[in-house]
Amino acid sequence: MTMGFKKNKAQVDEMFRLRDEGKSYREIERLTGLSKGTMSYHLGEGQKDKTRETTKNERERRRLIVIEYKESRGCADCKRRGHFYQHPYYVLQADHVWDTKVANVSHMLRNNTLEEIMIELAKCDIVCANCHAIRTHKRRKMINEINTTDEQADDGYYEEV
């Protein structure tokens, strides 16, 4: 169950009670505040299965587009070094540019639109897992060096006169 459903469980229970009393969709909408789409989802014959199937198909479509995007680009770092390996999609990862990350692309496949996913991918370099690990290590090392330098500078700044 999603958080939204838990929050509205009382409304949904009320919807079923009102429908059993013979109330119309319009009356239920007015009394509970639920949309006709929500009522149709819960009350319609086979609607839940249809919605689940549509959602599953749409997620798969987005996933395949992201796979094609990654494979068409290949590893940026390997290419830069003159290696033109044909990496499979499951080795390629999206490396975000500093301070621009909204979410992991893999997590976005579940709930975001294709447009939102492509905007996020545009902020990324596509690199293989090895190159991504190397980049991450270098960034962490650089951050540690900056923090160490800043601490040393701060120590000198606050010396007593």
C-alpha atoms as a PDB file:
ATOM      1  CA  MET A   1       0.000   0.000   0.000  1.00  0.00           C
ATOM      2  CA  THR A   2       1.143   3.502  -0.718  1.00  0.00           C
ATOM      3  CA  MET A   3       1.028   6.336   1.788  1.00  0.00           C
ATOM      4  CA  GLY A   4      -1.760   8.031  -0.169  1.00  0.00           C
ATOM      5  CA  PHE A   5      -3.965   4.946   0.069  1.00  0.00           C
ATOM      6  CA  LYS A   6      -3.433   4.555   3.829  1.00  0.00           C
ATOM      7  CA  LYS A   7      -4.319   8.196   4.301  1.00  0.00           C
ATOM      8  CA  ASN A   8      -7.611   7.764   2.379  1.00  0.00           C
ATOM      9  CA  LYS A   9      -8.568   4.268   3.559  1.00  0.00           C
ATOM     10  CA  ALA A  10     -11.551   5.625   5.502  1.00  0.00           C
ATOM     11  CA  GLN A  11     -12.788   7.372   2.343  1.00  0.00           C
ATOM     12  CA  VAL A  12     -12.428   4.177   0.311  1.00  0.00           C
ATOM     13  CA  ASP A  13     -14.264   2.138   2.965  1.00  0.00           C
ATOM     14  CA  GLU A  14     -17.014   4.776   2.951  1.00  0.00           C
ATOM     15  CA  MET A  15     -17.131   4.559  -0.867  1.00  0.00           C
ATOM     16  CA  PHE A  16     -17.810   0.792  -0.723  1.00  0.00           C
ATOM     17  CA  ARG A  17     -20.500   1.286   1.944  1.00  0.00           C
ATOM     18  CA  LEU A  18     -22.232   3.998  -0.105  1.00  0.00           C
ATOM     19  CA  ARG A  19     -22.061   1.919  -3.296  1.00  0.00           C
ATOM     20  CA  ASP A  20     -23.632  -1.035  -1.449  1.00  0.00           C
ATOM     21  CA  GLU A  21     -26.461   1.354  -0.490  1.00  0.00           C
ATOM     22  CA  GLY A  22     -27.004   2.003  -4.204  1.00  0.00           C
ATOM     23  CA  LYS A  23     -25.540   5.520  -4.365  1.00  0.00           C
ATOM     24  CA  SER A  24     -24.348   6.783  -7.747  1.00  0.00           C
ATOM     25  CA  TYR A  25     -20.752   7.721  -8.544  1.00  0.00           C
ATOM     26  CA  ARG A  26     -21.739  11.398  -8.497  1.00  0.00           C
ATOM     27  CA  GLU A  27     -23.301  11.093  -5.023  1.00  0.00           C
ATOM     28  CA  ILE A  28     -20.280   9.184  -3.704  1.00  0.00           C
ATOM     29  CA  GLU A  29     -17.964  11.811  -5.184  1.00  0.00           C
ATOM     30  CA  ARG A  30     -19.894  14.568  -3.437  1.00  0.00           C
ATOM     31  CA  LEU A  31     -20.043  12.748  -0.080  1.00  0.00           C
ATOM     32  CA  THR A  32     -16.475  11.405   0.102  1.00  0.00           C
ATOM     33  CA  GLY A  33     -14.444  13.791  -2.022  1.00  0.00           C
ATOM     34  CA  LEU A  34     -13.038  10.863  -4.032  1.00  0.00           C
ATOM     35  CA  SER A  35     -12.559  11.344  -7.755  1.00  0.00           C
ATOM     36  CA  LYS A  36     -14.469   9.299 -10.299  1.00  0.00           C
ATOM     37  CA  GLY A  37     -11.154   7.779 -11.380  1.00  0.00           C
ATOM     38  CA  THR A  38     -10.492   6.513  -7.859  1.00  0.00           C
ATOM     39  CA  MET A  39     -13.992   5.080  -7.635  1.00  0.00           C
ATOM     40  CA  SER A  40     -13.653   3.433 -11.030  1.00  0.00           C
ATOM     41  CA  TYR A  41     -10.309   1.932  -9.988  1.00  0.00           C
ATOM     42  CA  HIS A  42     -11.808   0.322  -6.877  1.00  0.00           C
ATOM     43  CA  LEU A  43     -15.310  -0.465  -8.130  1.00  0.00           C
ATOM     44  CA  GLY A  44     -14.809  -1.141 -11.843  1.00  0.00           C
ATOM     45  CA  GLU A  45     -14.716  -4.713 -13.091  1.00  0.00           C
ATOM     46  CA  GLY A  46     -11.084  -5.676 -13.808  1.00  0.00           C
ATOM     47  CA  GLN A  47      -9.940  -2.051 -13.531  1.00  0.00           C
ATOM     48  CA  LYS A  48      -7.203  -2.778 -10.962  1.00  0.00           C
ATOM     49  CA  ASP A  49      -5.648  -5.453 -13.186  1.00  0.00           C
ATOM     50  CA  LYS A  50      -5.854  -3.182 -16.227  1.00  0.00           C
ATOM     51  CA  THR A  51      -4.207  -0.302 -14.334  1.00  0.00           C
ATOM     52  CA  ARG A  52      -1.449  -2.566 -12.986  1.00  0.00           C
ATOM     53  CA  GLU A  53      -0.734  -3.942 -16.464  1.00  0.00           C
ATOM     54  CA  THR A  54      -0.635  -0.469 -18.008  1.00  0.00           C
ATOM     55  CA  THR A  55       1.735   0.748 -15.272  1.00  0.00           C
ATOM     56  CA  LYS A  56       3.982  -2.278 -15.696  1.00  0.00           C
ATOM     57  CA  ASN A  57       4.142  -1.780 -19.478  1.00  0.00           C
ATOM     58  CA  GLU A  58       4.917   1.933 -19.133  1.00  0.00           C
ATOM     59  CA  ARG A  59       7.748   1.276 -16.654  1.00  0.00           C
ATOM     60  CA  GLU A  60       9.222  -1.322 -18.996  1.00  0.00           C
ATOM     61  CA  ARG A  61       9.018   1.122 -21.919  1.00  0.00           C
ATOM     62  CA  ARG A  62      10.888   3.773 -19.919  1.00  0.00           C
ATOM     63  CA  ARG A  63      13.477   1.210 -18.809  1.00  0.00           C
ATOM     64  CA  LEU A  64      14.166   0.140 -22.404  1.00  0.00           C
ATOM     65  CA  ILE A  65      14.572   3.751 -23.523  1.00  0.00           C
ATOM     66  CA  VAL A  66      17.123   4.382 -20.743  1.00  0.00           C
ATOM     67  CA  ILE A  67      18.989   1.185 -21.715  1.00  0.00           C
ATOM     68  CA  GLU A  68      19.129   2.335 -25.344  1.00  0.00           C
ATOM     69  CA  TYR A  69      20.299   5.801 -24.236  1.00  0.00           C
ATOM     70  CA  LYS A  70      23.144   4.365 -22.138  1.00  0.00           C
ATOM     71  CA  GLU A  71      24.309   1.860 -24.756  1.00  0.00           C
ATOM     72  CA  SER A  72      24.251   4.480 -27.511  1.00  0.00           C
ATOM     73  CA  ARG A  73      26.677   6.633 -25.541  1.00  0.00           C
ATOM     74  CA  GLY A  74      28.979   4.047 -23.981  1.00  0.00           C
ATOM     75  CA  CYS A  75      31.555   4.888 -21.335  1.00  0.00           C
ATOM     76  CA  ALA A  76      32.745   8.496 -21.653  1.00  0.00           C
ATOM     77  CA  ASP A  77      36.000   7.829 -19.762  1.00  0.00           C
ATOM     78  CA  CYS A  78      36.947   4.705 -21.701  1.00  0.00           C
ATOM     79  CA  LYS A  79      36.388   6.574 -24.987  1.00  0.00           C
ATOM     80  CA  ARG A  80      38.510   9.469 -23.730  1.00  0.00           C
ATOM     81  CA  ARG A  81      41.345   7.012 -23.082  1.00  0.00           C
ATOM     82  CA  GLY A  82      41.024   5.590 -26.591  1.00  0.00           C
ATOM     83  CA  HIS A  83      39.241   2.367 -25.611  1.00  0.00           C
ATOM     84  CA  PHE A  84      36.094   1.828 -27.598  1.00  0.00           C
ATOM     85  CA  TYR A  85      34.576  -1.087 -25.714  1.00  0.00           C
ATOM     86  CA  GLN A  86      30.985  -2.000 -26.366  1.00  0.00           C
ATOM     87  CA  HIS A  87      29.799  -2.149 -22.738  1.00  0.00           C
ATOM     88  CA  PRO A  88      26.477  -3.863 -22.047  1.00  0.00           C
ATOM     89  CA  TYR A  89      23.780  -1.668 -20.454  1.00  0.00           C
ATOM     90  CA  TYR A  90      24.038  -3.312 -17.031  1.00  0.00           C
ATOM     91  CA  VAL A  91      27.656  -2.132 -16.679  1.00  0.00           C
ATOM     92  CA  LEU A  92      26.897   1.478 -17.643  1.00  0.00           C
ATOM     93  CA  GLN A  93      25.915   3.977 -14.968  1.00  0.00           C
ATOM     94  CA  ALA A  94      24.793   7.597 -14.849  1.00  0.00           C
ATOM     95  CA  ASP A  95      27.386   9.756 -13.068  1.00  0.00           C
ATOM     96  CA  HIS A  96      25.795  13.014 -11.931  1.00  0.00           C
ATOM     97  CA  VAL A  97      27.584  16.316 -12.310  1.00  0.00           C
ATOM     98  CA  TRP A  98      28.177  18.102  -9.001  1.00  0.00           C
ATOM     99  CA  ASP A  99      25.167  19.620  -7.211  1.00  0.00           C
ATOM    100  CA  THR A 100      22.616  18.793  -9.891  1.00  0.00           C
ATOM    101  CA  LYS A 101      21.248  15.429  -8.756  1.00  0.00           C
ATOM    102  CA  VAL A 102      17.507  15.267  -8.213  1.00  0.00           C
ATOM    103  CA  ALA A 103      17.314  11.474  -7.832  1.00  0.00           C
ATOM    104  CA  ASN A 104      18.911   8.238  -8.985  1.00  0.00           C
ATOM    105  CA  VAL A 105      17.819   7.484 -12.525  1.00  0.00           C
ATOM    106  CA  SER A 106      17.050   3.880 -11.560  1.00  0.00           C
ATOM    107  CA  HIS A 107      14.639   5.112  -8.866  1.00  0.00           C
ATOM    108  CA  MET A 108      13.052   7.589 -11.248  1.00  0.00           C
ATOM    109  CA  LEU A 109      12.067   4.759 -13.609  1.00  0.00           C
ATOM    110  CA  ARG A 110       9.369   3.756 -11.158  1.00  0.00           C
ATOM    111  CA  ASN A 111       7.403   6.981 -10.705  1.00  0.00           C
ATOM    112  CA  ASN A 112       8.710   9.761 -12.932  1.00  0.00           C
ATOM    113  CA  THR A 113       7.780  10.636 -16.487  1.00  0.00           C
ATOM    114  CA  LEU A 114      10.107   9.855 -19.361  1.00  0.00           C
ATOM    115  CA  GLU A 115      10.680  13.590 -19.822  1.00  0.00           C
ATOM    116  CA  GLU A 116      11.843  13.987 -16.200  1.00  0.00           C
ATOM    117  CA  ILE A 117      14.127  10.966 -16.556  1.00  0.00           C
ATOM    118  CA  MET A 118      15.693  12.306 -19.756  1.00  0.00           C
ATOM    119  CA  ILE A 119      16.276  15.713 -18.113  1.00  0.00           C
ATOM    120  CA  GLU A 120      18.099  13.936 -15.280  1.00  0.00           C
ATOM    121  CA  LEU A 121      20.135  11.816 -17.720  1.00  0.00           C
ATOM    122  CA  ALA A 122      21.185  14.966 -19.579  1.00  0.00           C
ATOM    123  CA  LYS A 123      22.907  16.086 -16.347  1.00  0.00           C
ATOM    124  CA  CYS A 124      24.958  12.884 -16.263  1.00  0.00           C
ATOM    125  CA  ASP A 125      28.001  11.367 -17.894  1.00  0.00           C
ATOM    126  CA  ILE A 126      27.443   7.744 -18.836  1.00  0.00           C
ATOM    127  CA  VAL A 127      30.390   5.695 -17.565  1.00  0.00           C
ATOM    128  CA  CYS A 128      31.111   2.035 -16.895  1.00  0.00           C
ATOM    129  CA  ALA A 129      31.046   0.772 -13.306  1.00  0.00           C
ATOM    130  CA  ASN A 130      34.855   0.719 -13.055  1.00  0.00           C
ATOM    131  CA  CYS A 131      35.260   4.290 -14.283  1.00  0.00           C
ATOM    132  CA  HIS A 132      32.413   5.398 -12.013  1.00  0.00           C
ATOM    133  CA  ALA A 133      34.176   3.862  -9.000  1.00  0.00           C
ATOM    134  CA  ILE A 134      37.429   5.609  -9.984  1.00  0.00           C
ATOM    135  CA  ARG A 135      35.639   8.966 -10.372  1.00  0.00           C
ATOM    136  CA  THR A 136      33.905   8.569  -7.020  1.00  0.00           C
ATOM    137  CA  HIS A 137      37.170   7.678  -5.285  1.00  0.00           C
ATOM    138  CA  LYS A 138      38.938  10.701  -6.773  1.00  0.00           C
ATOM    139  CA  ARG A 139      36.088  13.009  -5.733  1.00  0.00           C
ATOM    140  CA  ARG A 140      36.103  11.716  -2.165  1.00  0.00           C
ATOM    141  CA  LYS A 141      39.862  12.065  -1.994  1.00  0.00           C
ATOM    142  CA  MET A 142      39.666  15.615  -3.353  1.00  0.00           C
ATOM    143  CA  ILE A 143      36.943  16.558  -0.842  1.00  0.00           C
ATOM    144  CA  ASN A 144      39.019  15.164   2.023  1.00  0.00           C
ATOM    145  CA  GLU A 145      42.031  17.167   0.860  1.00  0.00           C
ATOM    146  CA  ILE A 146      39.931  20.347   0.620  1.00  0.00           C
ATOM    147  CA  ASN A 147      38.475  19.778   4.090  1.00  0.00           C
ATOM    148  CA  THR A 148      41.942  19.113   5.538  1.00  0.00           C
ATOM    149  CA  THR A 149      43.309  22.275   3.920  1.00  0.00           C
ATOM    150  CA  ASP A 150      40.338  24.287   5.225  1.00  0.00           C
ATOM    151  CA  GLU A 151      40.861  22.962   8.759  1.00  0.00           C
ATOM    152  CA  GLN A 152      44.539  23.888   8.631  1.00  0.00           C
ATOM    153  CA  ALA A 153      43.692  27.364   7.341  1.00  0.00           C
ATOM    154  CA  ASP A 154      41.095  27.799  10.094  1.00  0.00           C
ATOM    155  CA  ASP A 155      43.633  26.831  12.733  1.00  0.00           C
ATOM    156  CA  GLY A 156      45.956  29.620  11.589  1.00  0.00           C
ATOM    157  CA  TYR A 157      43.146  32.165  11.351  1.00  0.00           C
ATOM    158  CA  TYR A 158      42.155  31.986  14.976  1.00  0.00           C
ATOM    159  CA  GLU A 159      45.624  32.322  16.508  1.00  0.00           C
ATOM    160  CA  GLU A 160      45.856  34.533  19.526  1.00  0.00           C
ATOM    161  CA  VAL A 161      47.722  37.815  19.126  1.00  0.00           C
END
